Amino acid sequence: IKALACEVKESTFITYFILGVFSAVILMIVPFSTSIPMW
């Protein structure tokens, strides 16, 4: 099979930004997971 293609850019900044925010939120709330439902 042959294909006609063109290179496009992806945003690595978005990827690292989302991973950083996700990790920070998890690290913040997991130690207090037993109290979160009441809060």
PDB file of all heavy atoms in Angstrom:
ATOM      1  N   ILE A   1       0.843  -1.191   0.000  1.00  0.00           N
ATOM      2  CA  ILE A   1       0.000   0.000   0.000  1.00  0.00           C
ATOM      3  C   ILE A   1       0.882   1.246   0.000  1.00  0.00           C
ATOM      4  O   ILE A   1       1.917   1.300   0.676  1.00  0.00           O
ATOM      5  CB  ILE A   1      -0.941   0.004   1.228  1.00  0.00           C
ATOM      6  CG1 ILE A   1      -1.877  -1.203   1.177  1.00  0.00           C
ATOM      7  CG2 ILE A   1      -1.742   1.291   1.303  1.00  0.00           C
ATOM      8  CD1 ILE A   1      -2.765  -1.327   2.397  1.00  0.00           C
ATOM      9  N   LYS A   2       0.479   2.231  -0.744  1.00  0.00           N
ATOM     10  CA  LYS A   2       1.165   3.506  -0.779  1.00  0.00           C
ATOM     11  C   LYS A   2       0.270   4.595  -0.198  1.00  0.00           C
ATOM     12  O   LYS A   2      -0.958   4.491  -0.243  1.00  0.00           O
ATOM     13  CB  LYS A   2       1.560   3.864  -2.210  1.00  0.00           C
ATOM     14  CG  LYS A   2       2.561   2.900  -2.826  1.00  0.00           C
ATOM     15  CD  LYS A   2       2.947   3.333  -4.225  1.00  0.00           C
ATOM     16  CE  LYS A   2       3.975   2.367  -4.828  1.00  0.00           C
ATOM     17  NZ  LYS A   2       4.381   2.778  -6.198  1.00  0.00           N
ATOM     18  N   ALA A   3       0.895   5.631   0.346  1.00  0.00           N
ATOM     19  CA  ALA A   3       0.136   6.714   0.979  1.00  0.00           C
ATOM     20  C   ALA A   3       0.790   8.045   0.661  1.00  0.00           C
ATOM     21  O   ALA A   3       2.014   8.143   0.503  1.00  0.00           O
ATOM     22  CB  ALA A   3       0.061   6.512   2.489  1.00  0.00           C
ATOM     23  N   LEU A   4      -0.055   9.053   0.576  1.00  0.00           N
ATOM     24  CA  LEU A   4       0.406  10.425   0.383  1.00  0.00           C
ATOM     25  C   LEU A   4       0.199  11.168   1.692  1.00  0.00           C
ATOM     26  O   LEU A   4      -0.933  11.245   2.192  1.00  0.00           O
ATOM     27  CB  LEU A   4      -0.386  11.096  -0.746  1.00  0.00           C
ATOM     28  CG  LEU A   4       0.217  12.366  -1.363  1.00  0.00           C
ATOM     29  CD1 LEU A   4       1.583  12.057  -1.979  1.00  0.00           C
ATOM     30  CD2 LEU A   4      -0.728  12.947  -2.400  1.00  0.00           C
ATOM     31  N   ALA A   5       1.271  11.694   2.278  1.00  0.00           N
ATOM     32  CA  ALA A   5       1.216  12.243   3.633  1.00  0.00           C
ATOM     33  C   ALA A   5       1.928  13.577   3.704  1.00  0.00           C
ATOM     34  O   ALA A   5       2.623  13.999   2.768  1.00  0.00           O
ATOM     35  CB  ALA A   5       1.833  11.268   4.631  1.00  0.00           C
ATOM     36  N   CYS A   6       1.748  14.224   4.847  1.00  0.00           N
ATOM     37  CA  CYS A   6       2.393  15.507   5.110  1.00  0.00           C
ATOM     38  C   CYS A   6       2.708  15.576   6.598  1.00  0.00           C
ATOM     39  O   CYS A   6       1.893  15.166   7.443  1.00  0.00           O
ATOM     40  CB  CYS A   6       1.471  16.656   4.710  1.00  0.00           C
ATOM     41  SG  CYS A   6       2.169  18.302   4.995  1.00  0.00           S
ATOM     42  N   GLU A   7       3.877  16.071   6.938  1.00  0.00           N
ATOM     43  CA  GLU A   7       4.264  16.162   8.347  1.00  0.00           C
ATOM     44  C   GLU A   7       3.530  17.298   9.043  1.00  0.00           C
ATOM     45  O   GLU A   7       3.428  18.414   8.525  1.00  0.00           O
ATOM     46  CB  GLU A   7       5.764  16.391   8.482  1.00  0.00           C
ATOM     47  CG  GLU A   7       6.243  16.447   9.926  1.00  0.00           C
ATOM     48  CD  GLU A   7       7.722  16.728  10.046  1.00  0.00           C
ATOM     49  OE1 GLU A   7       8.399  16.788   9.010  1.00  0.00           O
ATOM     50  OE2 GLU A   7       8.196  16.892  11.193  1.00  0.00           O
ATOM     51  N   VAL A   8       2.978  17.010  10.225  1.00  0.00           N
ATOM     52  CA  VAL A   8       2.333  18.017  11.064  1.00  0.00           C
ATOM     53  C   VAL A   8       3.001  18.001  12.438  1.00  0.00           C
ATOM     54  O   VAL A   8       3.637  17.021  12.827  1.00  0.00           O
ATOM     55  CB  VAL A   8       0.814  17.761  11.194  1.00  0.00           C
ATOM     56  CG1 VAL A   8       0.112  17.983   9.874  1.00  0.00           C
ATOM     57  CG2 VAL A   8       0.537  16.352  11.718  1.00  0.00           C
ATOM     58  N   LYS A   9       2.848  19.089  13.167  1.00  0.00           N
ATOM     59  CA  LYS A   9       3.507  19.242  14.461  1.00  0.00           C
ATOM     60  C   LYS A   9       2.576  18.823  15.596  1.00  0.00           C
ATOM     61  O   LYS A   9       1.365  19.023  15.536  1.00  0.00           O
ATOM     62  CB  LYS A   9       3.934  20.692  14.672  1.00  0.00           C
ATOM     63  CG  LYS A   9       4.829  21.266  13.585  1.00  0.00           C
ATOM     64  CD  LYS A   9       6.188  20.601  13.564  1.00  0.00           C
ATOM     65  CE  LYS A   9       7.096  21.282  12.543  1.00  0.00           C
ATOM     66  NZ  LYS A   9       8.433  20.656  12.494  1.00  0.00           N
ATOM     67  N   GLU A  10       3.159  18.251  16.625  1.00  0.00           N
ATOM     68  CA  GLU A  10       2.423  18.008  17.862  1.00  0.00           C
ATOM     69  C   GLU A  10       2.998  18.880  18.967  1.00  0.00           C
ATOM     70  O   GLU A  10       4.156  19.286  18.915  1.00  0.00           O
ATOM     71  CB  GLU A  10       2.485  16.536  18.264  1.00  0.00           C
ATOM     72  CG  GLU A  10       3.869  16.008  18.533  1.00  0.00           C
ATOM     73  CD  GLU A  10       3.855  14.573  18.990  1.00  0.00           C
ATOM     74  OE1 GLU A  10       2.905  14.196  19.718  1.00  0.00           O
ATOM     75  OE2 GLU A  10       4.772  13.819  18.628  1.00  0.00           O
ATOM     76  N   SER A  11       2.182  19.151  19.977  1.00  0.00           N
ATOM     77  CA  SER A  11       2.600  20.041  21.055  1.00  0.00           C
ATOM     78  C   SER A  11       3.111  19.219  22.230  1.00  0.00           C
ATOM     79  O   SER A  11       2.330  18.699  23.033  1.00  0.00           O
ATOM     80  CB  SER A  11       1.424  20.935  21.493  1.00  0.00           C
ATOM     81  OG  SER A  11       1.804  21.761  22.567  1.00  0.00           O
ATOM     82  N   THR A  12       4.423  19.102  22.337  1.00  0.00           N
ATOM     83  CA  THR A  12       4.997  18.396  23.490  1.00  0.00           C
ATOM     84  C   THR A  12       4.802  19.195  24.772  1.00  0.00           C
ATOM     85  O   THR A  12       4.737  18.619  25.868  1.00  0.00           O
ATOM     86  CB  THR A  12       6.489  18.145  23.254  1.00  0.00           C
ATOM     87  OG1 THR A  12       7.144  19.394  22.939  1.00  0.00           O
ATOM     88  CG2 THR A  12       6.701  17.187  22.093  1.00  0.00           C
ATOM     89  N   PHE A  13       4.693  20.517  24.654  1.00  0.00           N
ATOM     90  CA  PHE A  13       4.456  21.340  25.841  1.00  0.00           C
ATOM     91  C   PHE A  13       3.137  20.969  26.492  1.00  0.00           C
ATOM     92  O   PHE A  13       3.047  20.863  27.723  1.00  0.00           O
ATOM     93  CB  PHE A  13       4.453  22.818  25.454  1.00  0.00           C
ATOM     94  CG  PHE A  13       4.136  23.749  26.593  1.00  0.00           C
ATOM     95  CD1 PHE A  13       5.121  24.163  27.463  1.00  0.00           C
ATOM     96  CD2 PHE A  13       2.834  24.194  26.803  1.00  0.00           C
ATOM     97  CE1 PHE A  13       4.831  24.997  28.535  1.00  0.00           C
ATOM     98  CE2 PHE A  13       2.531  25.036  27.861  1.00  0.00           C
ATOM     99  CZ  PHE A  13       3.529  25.439  28.727  1.00  0.00           C
ATOM    100  N   ILE A  14       2.094  20.765  25.691  1.00  0.00           N
ATOM    101  CA  ILE A  14       0.790  20.378  26.231  1.00  0.00           C
ATOM    102  C   ILE A  14       0.901  19.043  26.961  1.00  0.00           C
ATOM    103  O   ILE A  14       0.346  18.860  28.058  1.00  0.00           O
ATOM    104  CB  ILE A  14      -0.255  20.285  25.104  1.00  0.00           C
ATOM    105  CG1 ILE A  14      -0.524  21.664  24.507  1.00  0.00           C
ATOM    106  CG2 ILE A  14      -1.551  19.670  25.616  1.00  0.00           C
ATOM    107  CD1 ILE A  14      -1.283  22.594  25.400  1.00  0.00           C
ATOM    108  N   THR A  15       1.627  18.102  26.366  1.00  0.00           N
ATOM    109  CA  THR A  15       1.770  16.776  26.974  1.00  0.00           C
ATOM    110  C   THR A  15       2.437  16.866  28.339  1.00  0.00           C
ATOM    111  O   THR A  15       1.923  16.323  29.335  1.00  0.00           O
ATOM    112  CB  THR A  15       2.599  15.862  26.055  1.00  0.00           C
ATOM    113  OG1 THR A  15       1.948  15.753  24.781  1.00  0.00           O
ATOM    114  CG2 THR A  15       2.752  14.483  26.665  1.00  0.00           C
ATOM    115  N   TYR A  16       3.573  17.555  28.430  1.00  0.00           N
ATOM    116  CA  TYR A  16       4.278  17.661  29.705  1.00  0.00           C
ATOM    117  C   TYR A  16       3.493  18.503  30.713  1.00  0.00           C
ATOM    118  O   TYR A  16       3.529  18.235  31.922  1.00  0.00           O
ATOM    119  CB  TYR A  16       5.670  18.264  29.484  1.00  0.00           C
ATOM    120  CG  TYR A  16       6.610  17.334  28.751  1.00  0.00           C
ATOM    121  CD1 TYR A  16       7.240  17.727  27.568  1.00  0.00           C
ATOM    122  CD2 TYR A  16       6.870  16.058  29.235  1.00  0.00           C
ATOM    123  CE1 TYR A  16       8.100  16.876  26.892  1.00  0.00           C
ATOM    124  CE2 TYR A  16       7.727  15.200  28.566  1.00  0.00           C
ATOM    125  CZ  TYR A  16       8.332  15.618  27.400  1.00  0.00           C
ATOM    126  OH  TYR A  16       9.177  14.761  26.735  1.00  0.00           O
ATOM    127  N   PHE A  17       2.795  19.508  30.233  1.00  0.00           N
ATOM    128  CA  PHE A  17       1.987  20.337  31.117  1.00  0.00           C
ATOM    129  C   PHE A  17       0.888  19.512  31.772  1.00  0.00           C
ATOM    130  O   PHE A  17       0.679  19.584  32.996  1.00  0.00           O
ATOM    131  CB  PHE A  17       1.388  21.500  30.328  1.00  0.00           C
ATOM    132  CG  PHE A  17       0.568  22.446  31.150  1.00  0.00           C
ATOM    133  CD1 PHE A  17       1.161  23.512  31.812  1.00  0.00           C
ATOM    134  CD2 PHE A  17      -0.805  22.286  31.266  1.00  0.00           C
ATOM    135  CE1 PHE A  17       0.406  24.384  32.580  1.00  0.00           C
ATOM    136  CE2 PHE A  17      -1.573  23.150  32.027  1.00  0.00           C
ATOM    137  CZ  PHE A  17      -0.965  24.208  32.679  1.00  0.00           C
ATOM    138  N   ILE A  18       0.171  18.731  30.980  1.00  0.00           N
ATOM    139  CA  ILE A  18      -0.915  17.906  31.519  1.00  0.00           C
ATOM    140  C   ILE A  18      -0.377  16.849  32.475  1.00  0.00           C
ATOM    141  O   ILE A  18      -0.943  16.612  33.555  1.00  0.00           O
ATOM    142  CB  ILE A  18      -1.706  17.272  30.368  1.00  0.00           C
ATOM    143  CG1 ILE A  18      -2.501  18.349  29.623  1.00  0.00           C
ATOM    144  CG2 ILE A  18      -2.647  16.193  30.882  1.00  0.00           C
ATOM    145  CD1 ILE A  18      -3.236  17.840  28.414  1.00  0.00           C
ATOM    146  N   LEU A  19       0.735  16.200  32.102  1.00  0.00           N
ATOM    147  CA  LEU A  19       1.327  15.206  32.993  1.00  0.00           C
ATOM    148  C   LEU A  19       1.756  15.830  34.319  1.00  0.00           C
ATOM    149  O   LEU A  19       1.584  15.232  35.394  1.00  0.00           O
ATOM    150  CB  LEU A  19       2.519  14.545  32.309  1.00  0.00           C
ATOM    151  CG  LEU A  19       2.209  13.600  31.146  1.00  0.00           C
ATOM    152  CD1 LEU A  19       3.503  13.115  30.498  1.00  0.00           C
ATOM    153  CD2 LEU A  19       1.376  12.421  31.618  1.00  0.00           C
ATOM    154  N   GLY A  20       2.326  17.046  34.260  1.00  0.00           N
ATOM    155  CA  GLY A  20       2.747  17.723  35.478  1.00  0.00           C
ATOM    156  C   GLY A  20       1.587  18.092  36.378  1.00  0.00           C
ATOM    157  O   GLY A  20       1.630  17.861  37.601  1.00  0.00           O
ATOM    158  N   VAL A  21       0.523  18.652  35.800  1.00  0.00           N
ATOM    159  CA  VAL A  21      -0.648  19.032  36.593  1.00  0.00           C
ATOM    160  C   VAL A  21      -1.324  17.797  37.178  1.00  0.00           C
ATOM    161  O   VAL A  21      -1.699  17.773  38.359  1.00  0.00           O
ATOM    162  CB  VAL A  21      -1.641  19.843  35.738  1.00  0.00           C
ATOM    163  CG1 VAL A  21      -2.929  20.110  36.512  1.00  0.00           C
ATOM    164  CG2 VAL A  21      -1.015  21.163  35.309  1.00  0.00           C
ATOM    165  N   PHE A  22      -1.472  16.744  36.374  1.00  0.00           N
ATOM    166  CA  PHE A  22      -2.098  15.511  36.847  1.00  0.00           C
ATOM    167  C   PHE A  22      -1.310  14.911  38.013  1.00  0.00           C
ATOM    168  O   PHE A  22      -1.890  14.518  39.031  1.00  0.00           O
ATOM    169  CB  PHE A  22      -2.194  14.521  35.689  1.00  0.00           C
ATOM    170  CG  PHE A  22      -2.800  13.194  36.060  1.00  0.00           C
ATOM    171  CD1 PHE A  22      -4.178  13.038  36.103  1.00  0.00           C
ATOM    172  CD2 PHE A  22      -1.996  12.099  36.361  1.00  0.00           C
ATOM    173  CE1 PHE A  22      -4.738  11.814  36.439  1.00  0.00           C
ATOM    174  CE2 PHE A  22      -2.544  10.878  36.700  1.00  0.00           C
ATOM    175  CZ  PHE A  22      -3.921  10.733  36.735  1.00  0.00           C
ATOM    176  N   SER A  23       0.013  14.861  37.866  1.00  0.00           N
ATOM    177  CA  SER A  23       0.847  14.296  38.938  1.00  0.00           C
ATOM    178  C   SER A  23       0.765  15.134  40.209  1.00  0.00           C
ATOM    179  O   SER A  23       0.681  14.583  41.318  1.00  0.00           O
ATOM    180  CB  SER A  23       2.301  14.202  38.462  1.00  0.00           C
ATOM    181  OG  SER A  23       2.413  13.411  37.298  1.00  0.00           O
ATOM    182  N   ALA A  24       0.775  16.456  40.060  1.00  0.00           N
ATOM    183  CA  ALA A  24       0.708  17.322  41.237  1.00  0.00           C
ATOM    184  C   ALA A  24      -0.615  17.154  41.973  1.00  0.00           C
ATOM    185  O   ALA A  24      -0.650  17.093  43.215  1.00  0.00           O
ATOM    186  CB  ALA A  24       0.900  18.780  40.812  1.00  0.00           C
ATOM    187  N   VAL A  25      -1.715  17.060  41.231  1.00  0.00           N
ATOM    188  CA  VAL A  25      -3.022  16.887  41.867  1.00  0.00           C
ATOM    189  C   VAL A  25      -3.088  15.554  42.595  1.00  0.00           C
ATOM    190  O   VAL A  25      -3.576  15.472  43.731  1.00  0.00           O
ATOM    191  CB  VAL A  25      -4.145  17.003  40.814  1.00  0.00           C
ATOM    192  CG1 VAL A  25      -5.488  16.608  41.420  1.00  0.00           C
ATOM    193  CG2 VAL A  25      -4.221  18.420  40.266  1.00  0.00           C
ATOM    194  N   ILE A  26      -2.594  14.498  41.959  1.00  0.00           N
ATOM    195  CA  ILE A  26      -2.610  13.174  42.592  1.00  0.00           C
ATOM    196  C   ILE A  26      -1.786  13.177  43.878  1.00  0.00           C
ATOM    197  O   ILE A  26      -2.217  12.664  44.929  1.00  0.00           O
ATOM    198  CB  ILE A  26      -2.084  12.101  41.610  1.00  0.00           C
ATOM    199  CG1 ILE A  26      -3.078  11.889  40.470  1.00  0.00           C
ATOM    200  CG2 ILE A  26      -1.841  10.785  42.341  1.00  0.00           C
ATOM    201  CD1 ILE A  26      -4.412  11.346  40.899  1.00  0.00           C
ATOM    202  N   LEU A  27      -0.592  13.766  43.830  1.00  0.00           N
ATOM    203  CA  LEU A  27       0.266  13.807  45.018  1.00  0.00           C
ATOM    204  C   LEU A  27      -0.356  14.625  46.144  1.00  0.00           C
ATOM    205  O   LEU A  27      -0.101  14.362  47.328  1.00  0.00           O
ATOM    206  CB  LEU A  27       1.636  14.375  44.646  1.00  0.00           C
ATOM    207  CG  LEU A  27       2.510  13.498  43.747  1.00  0.00           C
ATOM    208  CD1 LEU A  27       3.788  14.230  43.365  1.00  0.00           C
ATOM    209  CD2 LEU A  27       2.838  12.170  44.430  1.00  0.00           C
ATOM    210  N   MET A  28      -1.165  15.610  45.787  1.00  0.00           N
ATOM    211  CA  MET A  28      -1.803  16.452  46.801  1.00  0.00           C
ATOM    212  C   MET A  28      -2.963  15.755  47.493  1.00  0.00           C
ATOM    213  O   MET A  28      -3.128  15.857  48.719  1.00  0.00           O
ATOM    214  CB  MET A  28      -2.285  17.749  46.165  1.00  0.00           C
ATOM    215  CG  MET A  28      -1.189  18.751  45.854  1.00  0.00           C
ATOM    216  SD  MET A  28      -0.591  19.606  47.325  1.00  0.00           S
ATOM    217  CE  MET A  28      -1.983  20.680  47.676  1.00  0.00           C
ATOM    218  N   ILE A  29      -3.792  15.046  46.729  1.00  0.00           N
ATOM    219  CA  ILE A  29      -5.050  14.550  47.305  1.00  0.00           C
ATOM    220  C   ILE A  29      -4.974  13.101  47.789  1.00  0.00           C
ATOM    221  O   ILE A  29      -5.749  12.719  48.676  1.00  0.00           O
ATOM    222  CB  ILE A  29      -6.206  14.696  46.302  1.00  0.00           C
ATOM    223  CG1 ILE A  29      -5.984  13.813  45.072  1.00  0.00           C
ATOM    224  CG2 ILE A  29      -6.385  16.146  45.901  1.00  0.00           C
ATOM    225  CD1 ILE A  29      -7.132  13.870  44.074  1.00  0.00           C
ATOM    226  N   VAL A  30      -4.058  12.292  47.246  1.00  0.00           N
ATOM    227  CA  VAL A  30      -4.009  10.886  47.636  1.00  0.00           C
ATOM    228  C   VAL A  30      -3.705  10.697  49.126  1.00  0.00           C
ATOM    229  O   VAL A  30      -4.326   9.851  49.786  1.00  0.00           O
ATOM    230  CB  VAL A  30      -2.993  10.120  46.757  1.00  0.00           C
ATOM    231  CG1 VAL A  30      -2.634   8.769  47.375  1.00  0.00           C
ATOM    232  CG2 VAL A  30      -3.565   9.906  45.359  1.00  0.00           C
ATOM    233  N   PRO A  31      -2.757  11.440  49.736  1.00  0.00           N
ATOM    234  CA  PRO A  31      -2.509  11.236  51.171  1.00  0.00           C
ATOM    235  C   PRO A  31      -3.721  11.497  52.054  1.00  0.00           C
ATOM    236  O   PRO A  31      -3.763  11.046  53.197  1.00  0.00           O
ATOM    237  CB  PRO A  31      -1.381  12.244  51.475  1.00  0.00           C
ATOM    238  CG  PRO A  31      -0.701  12.451  50.170  1.00  0.00           C
ATOM    239  CD  PRO A  31      -1.796  12.399  49.160  1.00  0.00           C
ATOM    240  N   PHE A  32      -4.722  12.216  51.562  1.00  0.00           N
ATOM    241  CA  PHE A  32      -5.913  12.532  52.352  1.00  0.00           C
ATOM    242  C   PHE A  32      -7.161  11.904  51.747  1.00  0.00           C
ATOM    243  O   PHE A  32      -8.264  12.431  51.889  1.00  0.00           O
ATOM    244  CB  PHE A  32      -6.090  14.055  52.432  1.00  0.00           C
ATOM    245  CG  PHE A  32      -4.882  14.786  52.906  1.00  0.00           C
ATOM    246  CD1 PHE A  32      -3.991  15.359  51.992  1.00  0.00           C
ATOM    247  CD2 PHE A  32      -4.588  14.899  54.258  1.00  0.00           C
ATOM    248  CE1 PHE A  32      -2.869  16.030  52.429  1.00  0.00           C
ATOM    249  CE2 PHE A  32      -3.468  15.564  54.704  1.00  0.00           C
ATOM    250  CZ  PHE A  32      -2.593  16.138  53.780  1.00  0.00           C
ATOM    251  N   SER A  33      -6.993  10.776  51.071  1.00  0.00           N
ATOM    252  CA  SER A  33      -8.102  10.161  50.341  1.00  0.00           C
ATOM    253  C   SER A  33      -9.242   9.751  51.262  1.00  0.00           C
ATOM    254  O   SER A  33     -10.405   9.760  50.860  1.00  0.00           O
ATOM    255  CB  SER A  33      -7.604   8.952  49.558  1.00  0.00           C
ATOM    256  OG  SER A  33      -6.973   8.008  50.422  1.00  0.00           O
ATOM    257  N   THR A  34      -8.956   9.394  52.513  1.00  0.00           N
ATOM    258  CA  THR A  34     -10.026   8.967  53.420  1.00  0.00           C
ATOM    259  C   THR A  34     -10.918  10.119  53.841  1.00  0.00           C
ATOM    260  O   THR A  34     -12.079   9.909  54.192  1.00  0.00           O
ATOM    261  CB  THR A  34      -9.426   8.312  54.674  1.00  0.00           C
ATOM    262  OG1 THR A  34      -8.521   9.238  55.298  1.00  0.00           O
ATOM    263  CG2 THR A  34      -8.683   7.033  54.315  1.00  0.00           C
ATOM    264  N   SER A  35     -10.404  11.333  53.812  1.00  0.00           N
ATOM    265  CA  SER A  35     -11.182  12.487  54.232  1.00  0.00           C
ATOM    266  C   SER A  35     -11.888  13.193  53.083  1.00  0.00           C
ATOM    267  O   SER A  35     -12.769  14.023  53.320  1.00  0.00           O
ATOM    268  CB  SER A  35     -10.274  13.508  54.941  1.00  0.00           C
ATOM    269  OG  SER A  35      -9.628  12.932  56.050  1.00  0.00           O
ATOM    270  N   ILE A  36     -11.511  12.880  51.854  1.00  0.00           N
ATOM    271  CA  ILE A  36     -12.058  13.602  50.705  1.00  0.00           C
ATOM    272  C   ILE A  36     -13.574  13.473  50.590  1.00  0.00           C
ATOM    273  O   ILE A  36     -14.255  14.470  50.314  1.00  0.00           O
ATOM    274  CB  ILE A  36     -11.347  13.137  49.420  1.00  0.00           C
ATOM    275  CG1 ILE A  36      -9.923  13.714  49.394  1.00  0.00           C
ATOM    276  CG2 ILE A  36     -12.106  13.576  48.165  1.00  0.00           C
ATOM    277  CD1 ILE A  36      -9.104  13.279  48.204  1.00  0.00           C
ATOM    278  N   PRO A  37     -14.185  12.279  50.779  1.00  0.00           N
ATOM    279  CA  PRO A  37     -15.653  12.220  50.671  1.00  0.00           C
ATOM    280  C   PRO A  37     -16.368  13.173  51.623  1.00  0.00           C
ATOM    281  O   PRO A  37     -17.360  13.817  51.243  1.00  0.00           O
ATOM    282  CB  PRO A  37     -15.964  10.759  51.004  1.00  0.00           C
ATOM    283  CG  PRO A  37     -14.723  10.012  50.622  1.00  0.00           C
ATOM    284  CD  PRO A  37     -13.593  10.938  50.956  1.00  0.00           C
ATOM    285  N   MET A  38     -15.877  13.301  52.869  1.00  0.00           N
ATOM    286  CA  MET A  38     -16.507  14.231  53.810  1.00  0.00           C
ATOM    287  C   MET A  38     -16.329  15.668  53.356  1.00  0.00           C
ATOM    288  O   MET A  38     -17.255  16.477  53.442  1.00  0.00           O
ATOM    289  CB  MET A  38     -15.902  14.043  55.205  1.00  0.00           C
ATOM    290  CG  MET A  38     -16.285  12.755  55.884  1.00  0.00           C
ATOM    291  SD  MET A  38     -15.712  12.721  57.597  1.00  0.00           S
ATOM    292  CE  MET A  38     -13.950  12.877  57.367  1.00  0.00           C
ATOM    293  N   TRP A  39     -15.151  15.999  52.858  1.00  0.00           N
ATOM    294  CA  TRP A  39     -14.897  17.371  52.401  1.00  0.00           C
ATOM    295  C   TRP A  39     -15.766  17.717  51.194  1.00  0.00           C
ATOM    296  O   TRP A  39     -16.252  18.843  51.078  1.00  0.00           O
ATOM    297  CB  TRP A  39     -13.421  17.534  52.054  1.00  0.00           C
ATOM    298  CG  TRP A  39     -12.524  17.477  53.255  1.00  0.00           C
ATOM    299  CD1 TRP A  39     -12.880  17.701  54.552  1.00  0.00           C
ATOM    300  CD2 TRP A  39     -11.126  17.171  53.278  1.00  0.00           C
ATOM    301  NE1 TRP A  39     -11.790  17.559  55.381  1.00  0.00           N
ATOM    302  CE2 TRP A  39     -10.696  17.237  54.629  1.00  0.00           C
ATOM    303  CE3 TRP A  39     -10.199  16.839  52.295  1.00  0.00           C
ATOM    304  CZ2 TRP A  39      -9.387  16.992  55.003  1.00  0.00           C
ATOM    305  CZ3 TRP A  39      -8.885  16.603  52.666  1.00  0.00           C
ATOM    306  CH2 TRP A  39      -8.480  16.674  54.009  1.00  0.00           C
TER     307      TRP A  39
END
